[in-house]
Each structure stands twice: as C-alpha cells, then as structure tokens.
C-alpha cells in the first residue's frame, strides 16, 4: 500500500511538472510577442501586459524549479532541503513586480498628457492570442489548483492575466473604431495598480512565511485549548507554529504532563495530539518536548 501511494504521488508530481512546463513555454511565447508588438505598435498597455505575463513566466518557472528541488533529499548541512526556495523567490519576484508597476504608472501618467497614435490592429491580435494561450494554461492547471496551494497561486496569476488581456483587447477595439488613444494610458495605469495589489499580497504572504509568523488562519490560543482538553495533559506551552512552505505547517511546543509516565504511554498521547492537530488545524509536522514538574515558564508564547 505504501509503495503504491509513493508511486502515484510521484506520477502526479511529474504530471504537474509537465503541465507547468507547457504553461511556461506558452507564456514565454505570449511575452515575447507582446514585447515586440508593444514596441512596434507603441502601445504601453500591451507592454505592461507583457510584463505581467513575464511575471507569470517567472512564477511558473519558480513553481517548476521548486517542484524539482523538492525531490532532493535533505542532507547534514541542508536539513530542510530546498523546501523554502520557492518562498524566497516569491519574495524577490513580488518586490520586483511592485517596482516595475510603479515605473509603468509613472510612464502612463506622462503618456496620458501626450497621447500617441497606436497601431491598434496589432494590439487587438496580440491581446486575442494572449487570451487564447492564457486560457489554455488556465485549463491545464485548473484541476491541480484545487489540491495544491503552489499550483493554485500560478493558476490565479494566469487567470487574472487572461482578464488583463481582455482589457487590452477592449482598449485596442476602442482605439481602432473610436480613435480613443488615451485609453492605452488609462489601461496601463489600471494594470499597474493591479500589479501592485497582486505583488503586495504576494510580498506580504512570503514575508510572513520567511519570518516564521503564525499563519493568519491559525489561532494559537484555540490550538492550546484543544490540546489541553485531552486526558493526562496539564498545559501546552512555549508554542511556535509556522509554515515551512506551502504544504508543511509545523508546530513546536513544550507539553506539561499531569503525571510521570513512560515513553510508551507518552507516545499514545502524542498520536492523539498529532491526529487532533492534523484534523482540526491542518498541522502536519509536530515536535513536542514532554515535561513533568519542570521549573520553567508555562506561558503560551515565551521570548526565547
């Protein structure tokens, strides 16, 4: 049973990797086409959408590389392996995305004051192609996004990018049929604001994970109350809860016991705690130090 589970897991992992790889090449094609088309047509909105696509490419590459690195075993000097590489890359990508978005907004304001003629036909066709390619990528990752946070992040990036391309297409049509060229600057400004919003959320999330903050959906006091409600337990204290990566939620704590028991007896209690934490809080890695009448702080949070 265990062997089959590992085999299926590896098969699913490889299939997700292939889907990510296909999405990477699709988005590289979109990005290159939009950058060239943006310079030729003079459309800043097309260039800003290209940068958004580029951020998607980076996000997809990070997800793909992280999935490959995750297969590497831990070692003496890398006891967690490369599990946090994706978080670090996400932090860097988010910070860069915000900087690029601010520069785009500044350029959009300048362009709005001096609108330029834009080759709208090229904008229309390239944005239409971007919608098709992003749509295909969204369909590829949709199923896996329901069960994997990392894939879901990439999926949402692609979905929102497809919507941005729809906005650029609408702008191209308005320029073609109504000669409203200032719409290009307005769309660039709006896309820039959207990129800042997405980038800030990603920056905030990755910063919290890098700083080992307690995840926002976890209430430490609730966790302690539930564990304390089990038999033979006096108090859970000195608690640390953090995300190692998207998939691993760790808890480290001291456990004050009501009686002096054997290791075998404690193992039974530990299994109950692990089951409770997994079922109610999705905590899947537990490291507990058992204590009995030890003279130390019994506060939930202790300043180490």
Protein backbone atom coordinates (compact mmCIF):
# COMPACT_ATOMS: atom_id res chain seq x y z
CA UNK A 1 0.00 0.00 0.00
CA UNK A 2 2.79 2.41 0.91
CA UNK A 3 4.69 1.64 -2.29
CA UNK A 4 1.64 2.30 -4.46
CA UNK A 5 0.98 5.59 -2.68
CA UNK A 6 4.55 6.78 -3.33
CA UNK A 7 4.33 5.70 -6.98
CA UNK A 8 1.05 7.55 -7.54
CA UNK A 9 2.39 10.61 -5.76
CA UNK A 10 5.48 10.65 -7.98
CA UNK A 11 3.31 10.18 -11.08
CA UNK A 12 1.05 13.10 -10.08
CA UNK A 13 4.13 15.19 -9.31
CA UNK A 14 5.62 14.53 -12.75
CA UNK A 15 2.29 15.29 -14.46
CA UNK A 16 2.02 18.63 -12.63
CA UNK A 17 5.60 19.40 -13.69
CA UNK A 18 4.75 18.72 -17.35
CA UNK A 19 1.69 20.96 -17.19
CA UNK A 20 3.77 23.74 -15.63
CA UNK A 21 6.41 23.32 -18.35
CA UNK A 22 3.81 23.62 -21.12
CA UNK A 23 2.37 26.74 -19.45
CA UNK A 24 5.88 28.23 -19.20
CA UNK A 25 6.51 27.89 -22.94
CA UNK A 26 3.04 29.24 -23.80
CA UNK A 27 3.62 32.32 -21.63
CA UNK A 28 7.15 32.86 -22.94
CA UNK A 29 5.62 32.97 -26.43
CA UNK A 30 2.99 35.48 -25.30
CA UNK A 31 5.56 37.66 -23.53
CA UNK A 32 7.99 37.84 -26.46
CA UNK A 33 5.18 38.56 -28.94
CA UNK A 34 3.69 41.29 -26.73
CA UNK A 35 7.04 42.99 -26.06
CA UNK A 36 7.85 43.12 -29.79
CA UNK A 37 4.28 44.13 -30.63
CA UNK A 38 4.25 46.77 -27.89
CA UNK A 39 7.35 48.49 -29.27
CA UNK A 40 6.13 48.27 -32.87
CA UNK A 41 2.58 49.46 -32.11
CA UNK A 42 3.58 51.98 -29.45
CA UNK A 43 1.06 50.50 -27.00
CA UNK A 44 2.11 50.93 -23.39
CA UNK A 45 -0.84 48.79 -22.27
CA UNK A 46 0.48 45.93 -24.40
CA UNK A 47 3.94 46.33 -22.87
CA UNK A 48 2.50 46.40 -19.34
CA UNK A 49 0.51 43.24 -20.08
CA UNK A 50 3.74 41.71 -21.41
CA UNK A 51 5.45 42.50 -18.10
CA UNK A 52 2.53 40.89 -16.29
CA UNK A 53 2.98 37.82 -18.49
CA UNK A 54 6.70 37.90 -17.71
CA UNK A 55 5.88 37.83 -14.00
CA UNK A 56 3.70 34.79 -14.72
CA UNK A 57 6.60 33.12 -16.54
CA UNK A 58 8.85 33.75 -13.53
CA UNK A 59 6.16 32.47 -11.17
CA UNK A 60 5.70 29.33 -13.27
CA UNK A 61 9.47 28.75 -13.50
CA UNK A 62 9.79 29.15 -9.74
CA UNK A 63 6.98 26.63 -9.22
CA UNK A 64 8.57 24.22 -11.68
CA UNK A 65 12.10 24.53 -10.25
CA UNK A 66 10.75 24.24 -6.71
CA UNK A 67 8.90 21.06 -7.66
CA UNK A 68 12.19 19.63 -8.97
CA UNK A 69 14.21 20.79 -5.96
CA UNK A 70 11.60 19.30 -3.62
CA UNK A 71 12.66 15.85 -4.86
CA UNK A 72 16.17 16.37 -3.49
CA UNK A 73 16.83 14.72 -0.17
CA UNK A 74 17.82 16.64 2.94
CA UNK A 75 21.47 16.49 3.99
CA UNK A 76 23.61 17.25 7.03
CA UNK A 77 24.03 20.91 6.03
CA UNK A 78 20.57 21.23 4.43
CA UNK A 79 18.30 19.54 6.95
CA UNK A 80 15.16 21.01 5.33
CA UNK A 81 16.49 20.52 1.81
CA UNK A 82 15.31 23.24 -0.62
CA UNK A 83 11.74 23.47 0.63
CA UNK A 84 11.91 27.23 1.31
CA UNK A 85 13.48 28.20 -2.05
CA UNK A 86 10.06 28.95 -3.53
CA UNK A 87 9.20 31.37 -0.73
CA UNK A 88 12.46 33.29 -1.16
CA UNK A 89 11.95 33.52 -4.93
CA UNK A 90 8.35 34.66 -4.44
CA UNK A 91 9.55 37.45 -2.13
CA UNK A 92 12.10 38.67 -4.72
CA UNK A 93 9.59 38.41 -7.59
CA UNK A 94 6.91 40.31 -5.65
CA UNK A 95 9.29 43.16 -4.76
CA UNK A 96 10.46 43.43 -8.39
CA UNK A 97 6.87 43.34 -9.65
CA UNK A 98 5.89 46.30 -7.45
CA UNK A 99 8.88 48.36 -8.66
CA UNK A 100 8.05 47.64 -12.31
CA UNK A 101 4.38 48.51 -11.72
CA UNK A 102 5.31 51.89 -10.19
CA UNK A 103 7.51 52.70 -13.20
CA UNK A 104 4.64 51.77 -15.54
CA UNK A 105 2.23 54.05 -13.69
CA UNK A 106 4.68 56.97 -13.92
CA UNK A 107 5.07 56.38 -17.67
CA UNK A 108 1.30 56.05 -18.10
CA UNK A 109 0.74 59.47 -16.49
CA UNK A 110 3.31 61.03 -18.81
CA UNK A 111 1.76 59.30 -21.84
CA UNK A 112 -1.74 60.41 -20.83
CA UNK A 113 -0.65 64.06 -21.04
CA UNK A 114 0.73 63.44 -24.54
CA UNK A 115 -1.33 60.65 -26.21
CA UNK A 116 0.34 58.90 -29.15
CA UNK A 117 -1.10 57.16 -32.20
CA UNK A 118 -1.07 53.41 -31.72
CA UNK A 119 -1.22 50.56 -34.23
CA UNK A 120 -4.48 49.19 -32.83
CA UNK A 121 -4.72 46.18 -35.19
CA UNK A 122 -1.53 44.70 -33.73
CA UNK A 123 -2.77 45.34 -30.19
CA UNK A 124 -6.06 43.57 -30.96
CA UNK A 125 -4.47 40.48 -32.49
CA UNK A 126 -1.75 40.07 -29.86
CA UNK A 127 -4.16 40.51 -26.95
CA UNK A 128 -6.50 37.97 -28.58
CA UNK A 129 -3.64 35.46 -28.89
CA UNK A 130 -2.69 36.14 -25.24
CA UNK A 131 -6.26 35.37 -24.18
CA UNK A 132 -6.16 32.03 -26.05
CA UNK A 133 -2.74 30.99 -24.70
CA UNK A 134 -3.50 32.04 -21.13
CA UNK A 135 -6.88 30.32 -21.39
CA UNK A 136 -5.15 27.08 -22.37
CA UNK A 137 -2.72 27.41 -19.44
CA UNK A 138 -5.65 28.04 -17.07
CA UNK A 139 -7.38 24.88 -18.28
CA UNK A 140 -4.16 22.86 -17.85
CA UNK A 141 -3.70 23.90 -14.21
CA UNK A 142 -7.33 24.19 -13.13
CA UNK A 143 -7.72 20.63 -11.77
CA UNK A 144 -4.41 20.60 -9.84
CA UNK A 145 -5.09 24.08 -8.42
CA UNK A 146 -7.86 22.63 -6.25
CA UNK A 147 -5.43 20.42 -4.30
CA UNK A 148 -2.13 22.30 -4.37
CA UNK A 149 -1.56 25.81 -3.00
CA UNK A 150 1.51 26.37 -5.15
CA UNK A 151 -0.33 25.40 -8.36
CA UNK A 152 -3.31 27.46 -7.26
CA UNK A 153 -1.08 30.53 -7.00
CA UNK A 154 0.17 30.02 -10.56
CA UNK A 155 -3.39 29.32 -11.73
CA UNK A 156 -4.70 32.58 -10.26
CA UNK A 157 -1.83 34.53 -11.85
CA UNK A 158 -2.71 33.12 -15.26
CA UNK A 159 -6.45 33.64 -14.79
CA UNK A 160 -6.03 37.30 -13.83
CA UNK A 161 -3.54 37.81 -16.66
CA UNK A 162 -6.13 36.49 -19.10
CA UNK A 163 -8.58 39.08 -17.75
CA UNK A 164 -5.92 41.81 -18.18
CA UNK A 165 -5.51 40.74 -21.81
CA UNK A 166 -9.28 41.07 -22.24
CA UNK A 167 -8.95 44.68 -21.01
CA UNK A 168 -6.16 45.34 -23.52
CA UNK A 169 -8.32 43.85 -26.31
CA UNK A 170 -11.20 46.16 -25.39
CA UNK A 171 -8.76 49.09 -25.43
CA UNK A 172 -7.49 48.07 -28.87
CA UNK A 173 -11.04 47.96 -30.24
CA UNK A 174 -11.81 51.41 -28.80
CA UNK A 175 -8.63 52.80 -30.40
CA UNK A 176 -9.42 51.20 -33.76
CA UNK A 177 -13.04 52.25 -34.10
CA UNK A 178 -13.24 55.41 -31.99
CA UNK A 179 -9.63 56.70 -32.04
CA UNK A 180 -9.62 56.96 -28.23
CA UNK A 181 -5.84 56.65 -27.90
CA UNK A 182 -5.70 57.92 -24.32
CA UNK A 183 -7.41 54.67 -23.27
CA UNK A 184 -4.00 52.99 -23.67
CA UNK A 185 -2.57 55.09 -20.82
CA UNK A 186 -5.65 54.53 -18.65
CA UNK A 187 -5.44 50.75 -19.10
CA UNK A 188 -1.70 50.83 -18.35
CA UNK A 189 -2.41 52.78 -15.16
CA UNK A 190 -5.09 50.28 -14.09
CA UNK A 191 -2.91 47.27 -14.91
CA UNK A 192 -0.08 48.88 -12.91
CA UNK A 193 -2.37 49.31 -9.89
CA UNK A 194 -3.48 45.71 -10.24
CA UNK A 195 0.14 44.50 -10.36
CA UNK A 196 0.90 46.44 -7.16
CA UNK A 197 -2.12 44.83 -5.49
CA UNK A 198 -1.08 41.33 -6.54
CA UNK A 199 2.60 42.00 -5.79
CA UNK A 200 1.87 43.44 -2.33
CA UNK A 201 -0.28 40.46 -1.37
CA UNK A 202 2.44 38.06 -2.52
CA UNK A 203 5.12 40.14 -0.77
CA UNK A 204 3.14 40.16 2.49
CA UNK A 205 2.48 36.42 2.36
CA UNK A 206 6.07 35.47 1.52
CA UNK A 207 7.43 37.85 4.19
CA UNK A 208 5.23 36.23 6.84
CA UNK A 209 6.46 32.80 5.82
CA UNK A 210 10.12 33.88 5.74
CA UNK A 211 9.76 35.44 9.20
CA UNK A 212 8.12 32.23 10.50
CA UNK A 213 5.00 34.12 11.59
CA UNK A 214 1.96 32.12 12.69
CA UNK A 215 -0.34 31.69 9.65
CA UNK A 216 -3.29 34.09 9.72
CA UNK A 217 -5.88 31.29 9.77
CA UNK A 218 -4.39 29.76 12.94
CA UNK A 219 -5.39 30.96 16.43
CA UNK A 220 -2.67 29.78 18.81
CA UNK A 221 -4.92 30.02 21.87
CA UNK A 222 -7.52 27.77 20.18
CA UNK A 223 -4.81 25.21 19.40
CA UNK A 224 -3.62 25.22 23.02
CA UNK A 225 -7.18 24.89 24.41
CA UNK A 226 -7.91 21.88 22.20
CA UNK A 227 -4.69 20.09 23.14
CA UNK A 228 -5.18 20.90 26.84
CA UNK A 229 -8.64 19.28 26.68
CA UNK A 230 -7.07 15.84 26.12
CA UNK A 231 -6.58 13.46 29.04
CA UNK A 232 -3.29 13.44 31.02
CA UNK A 233 -2.27 16.87 29.70
CA UNK A 234 -1.73 19.79 32.04
CA UNK A 235 -0.67 22.52 29.63
CA UNK A 236 0.78 23.03 26.17
CA UNK A 237 3.18 25.98 26.25
CA UNK A 238 6.25 27.56 24.63
CA UNK A 239 4.41 27.25 21.31
CA UNK A 240 5.74 28.00 17.81
CA UNK A 241 3.58 27.50 14.70
CA UNK A 242 4.89 28.30 11.22
CA UNK A 243 4.77 27.36 7.55
CA UNK A 244 7.93 25.71 6.26
CA UNK A 245 6.45 26.02 2.77
CA UNK A 246 3.01 25.91 1.16
CA UNK A 247 2.47 22.28 2.10
CA UNK A 248 4.05 21.93 5.54
CA UNK A 249 2.63 23.53 8.68
CA UNK A 250 4.81 22.92 11.74
CA UNK A 251 4.13 23.07 15.46
CA UNK A 252 6.86 23.04 18.08
CA UNK A 253 5.98 23.19 21.79
CA UNK A 254 6.60 22.02 25.34
CA UNK A 255 3.97 19.81 26.96
CA UNK A 256 3.47 19.79 30.72
CA UNK A 257 2.06 16.39 31.75
CA UNK A 258 -0.11 15.62 34.78
CA UNK A 259 1.86 12.52 35.75
CA UNK A 260 5.29 10.96 35.33
CA UNK A 261 4.78 8.40 32.57
CA UNK A 262 6.79 6.07 30.36
CA UNK A 263 7.79 6.90 26.81
CA UNK A 264 5.35 4.27 25.55
CA UNK A 265 2.50 5.92 27.44
CA UNK A 266 3.50 9.33 26.10
CA UNK A 267 3.58 8.01 22.53
CA UNK A 268 -0.13 7.16 22.80
CA UNK A 269 -0.88 10.75 23.87
CA UNK A 270 1.38 12.13 21.16
CA UNK A 271 -0.54 10.21 18.49
CA UNK A 272 -3.80 11.72 19.78
CA UNK A 273 -2.29 15.21 19.64
CA UNK A 274 -0.96 14.70 16.12
CA UNK A 275 -4.34 13.45 14.92
CA UNK A 276 -6.19 16.36 16.53
CA UNK A 277 -3.80 18.99 15.13
CA UNK A 278 -3.95 17.46 11.67
CA UNK A 279 -7.74 17.10 11.53
CA UNK A 280 -8.70 20.44 13.08
CA UNK A 281 -5.84 22.77 12.14
CA UNK A 282 -4.08 21.10 9.16
CA UNK A 283 -0.83 21.00 11.15
CA UNK A 284 1.13 18.10 9.66
CA UNK A 285 4.52 18.31 11.45
CA UNK A 286 4.55 18.15 15.25
CA UNK A 287 7.58 18.35 17.53
CA UNK A 288 6.73 18.25 21.24
CA UNK A 289 9.02 18.23 24.27
CA UNK A 290 7.31 16.37 27.19
CA UNK A 291 7.83 17.73 30.71
CA UNK A 292 6.77 16.84 34.24
CA UNK A 293 7.17 19.31 37.12
CA UNK A 294 9.88 21.16 35.24
CA UNK A 295 10.64 24.62 36.59
CA UNK A 296 10.23 26.84 33.54
CA UNK A 297 7.83 29.37 32.09
CA UNK A 298 4.43 27.91 31.28
CA UNK A 299 3.38 30.84 29.09
CA UNK A 300 1.94 30.01 25.68
CA UNK A 301 4.42 32.31 23.96
CA UNK A 302 7.88 32.51 25.50
CA UNK A 303 10.55 35.00 24.45
CA UNK A 304 13.47 32.71 23.62
